[in-house]
Amino acid sequence: MKKSKIYYDRENDALYLNLREGKEAYFEEIEPNVIIEYNEKNQPLAVEILNASLLFKKISPFNISMVYDKNRVYKPSSK
């Protein structure tokens, strides 16, 4: 399994989780402000979370500094 890439766009307050490479065929809003992008084989390509800083403030018992850093690319640990 390849590592996902996570991007945060501070200007648009959007968190983007890239699950796999491919061309988007369609997308679906599964919850308010949570969008899944799919390819032509109905495989999820990415998850986009709008108003991300508000969501993380609500669910996090600690400060998540990654949400406020617009210029970094985040990669999950290899564990």
Protein backbone atom coordinates (compact mmCIF):
# COMPACT_ATOMS: atom_id res chain seq x y z
CA MET A 1 0.00 0.00 0.00
CA LYS A 2 1.36 3.40 -0.99
CA LYS A 3 1.55 6.22 1.52
CA SER A 4 -1.16 8.85 1.38
CA LYS A 5 -0.36 12.53 1.13
CA ILE A 6 -2.17 15.16 3.14
CA TYR A 7 -2.34 18.81 2.11
CA TYR A 8 -3.82 21.77 3.93
CA ASP A 9 -4.88 24.91 2.08
CA ARG A 10 -5.12 27.64 4.71
CA GLU A 11 -6.61 30.21 2.33
CA ASN A 12 -9.59 27.92 1.59
CA ASP A 13 -9.47 26.10 4.97
CA ALA A 14 -9.53 22.75 3.17
CA LEU A 15 -7.75 19.54 4.13
CA TYR A 16 -7.08 17.19 1.21
CA LEU A 17 -6.13 13.53 1.66
CA ASN A 18 -4.79 11.99 -1.54
CA LEU A 19 -5.46 8.24 -1.39
CA ARG A 20 -4.27 7.20 -4.86
CA GLU A 21 -3.30 8.69 -8.19
CA GLY A 22 -5.82 8.90 -10.98
CA LYS A 23 -8.29 11.05 -12.83
CA GLU A 24 -11.44 12.12 -11.03
CA ALA A 25 -14.62 10.87 -12.70
CA TYR A 26 -17.07 12.18 -10.11
CA PHE A 27 -17.36 13.21 -6.48
CA GLU A 28 -19.87 12.77 -3.69
CA GLU A 29 -20.51 14.88 -0.59
CA ILE A 30 -20.99 12.17 2.04
CA GLU A 31 -21.46 14.59 4.94
CA PRO A 32 -21.64 18.36 5.05
CA ASN A 33 -18.15 19.60 4.07
CA VAL A 34 -16.77 16.08 3.46
CA ILE A 35 -16.25 15.20 -0.20
CA ILE A 36 -14.99 11.91 -1.67
CA GLU A 37 -13.53 11.93 -5.20
CA TYR A 38 -13.80 8.72 -7.27
CA ASN A 39 -12.24 7.41 -10.48
CA GLU A 40 -14.09 5.67 -13.33
CA LYS A 41 -13.80 2.33 -11.48
CA ASN A 42 -15.63 3.79 -8.44
CA GLN A 43 -12.43 3.68 -6.39
CA PRO A 44 -11.90 6.57 -3.96
CA LEU A 45 -9.07 8.86 -5.03
CA ALA A 46 -9.22 11.52 -2.35
CA VAL A 47 -11.08 12.96 0.60
CA GLU A 48 -11.55 16.70 0.92
CA ILE A 49 -12.66 18.29 4.18
CA LEU A 50 -13.91 21.86 3.95
CA ASN A 51 -13.83 24.18 6.98
CA ALA A 52 -11.14 21.86 8.32
CA SER A 53 -9.89 24.07 11.14
CA LEU A 54 -13.36 24.18 12.69
CA LEU A 55 -13.66 20.40 12.54
CA PHE A 56 -10.27 19.79 14.14
CA LYS A 57 -10.91 22.33 16.89
CA LYS A 58 -14.09 20.43 17.76
CA ILE A 59 -12.62 16.91 17.82
CA SER A 60 -9.10 17.51 19.08
CA PRO A 61 -8.28 17.50 22.79
CA PHE A 62 -4.87 18.94 21.86
CA ASN A 63 -3.51 21.52 19.43
CA ILE A 64 -3.05 20.13 15.91
CA SER A 65 -0.37 22.41 14.49
CA MET A 66 -0.55 20.80 11.02
CA VAL A 67 -3.93 22.39 10.39
CA TYR A 68 -2.44 25.88 10.57
CA ASP A 69 0.64 25.37 8.40
CA LYS A 70 -0.30 26.03 4.78
CA ASN A 71 3.05 25.41 3.13
CA ARG A 72 3.91 21.89 4.30
CA VAL A 73 3.06 18.52 2.82
CA TYR A 74 2.27 15.94 5.46
CA LYS A 75 3.04 12.26 5.09
CA PRO A 76 1.85 9.65 7.55
CA SER A 77 4.43 7.67 9.46
CA SER A 78 5.69 4.47 7.87
CA LYS A 79 4.54 2.41 10.86
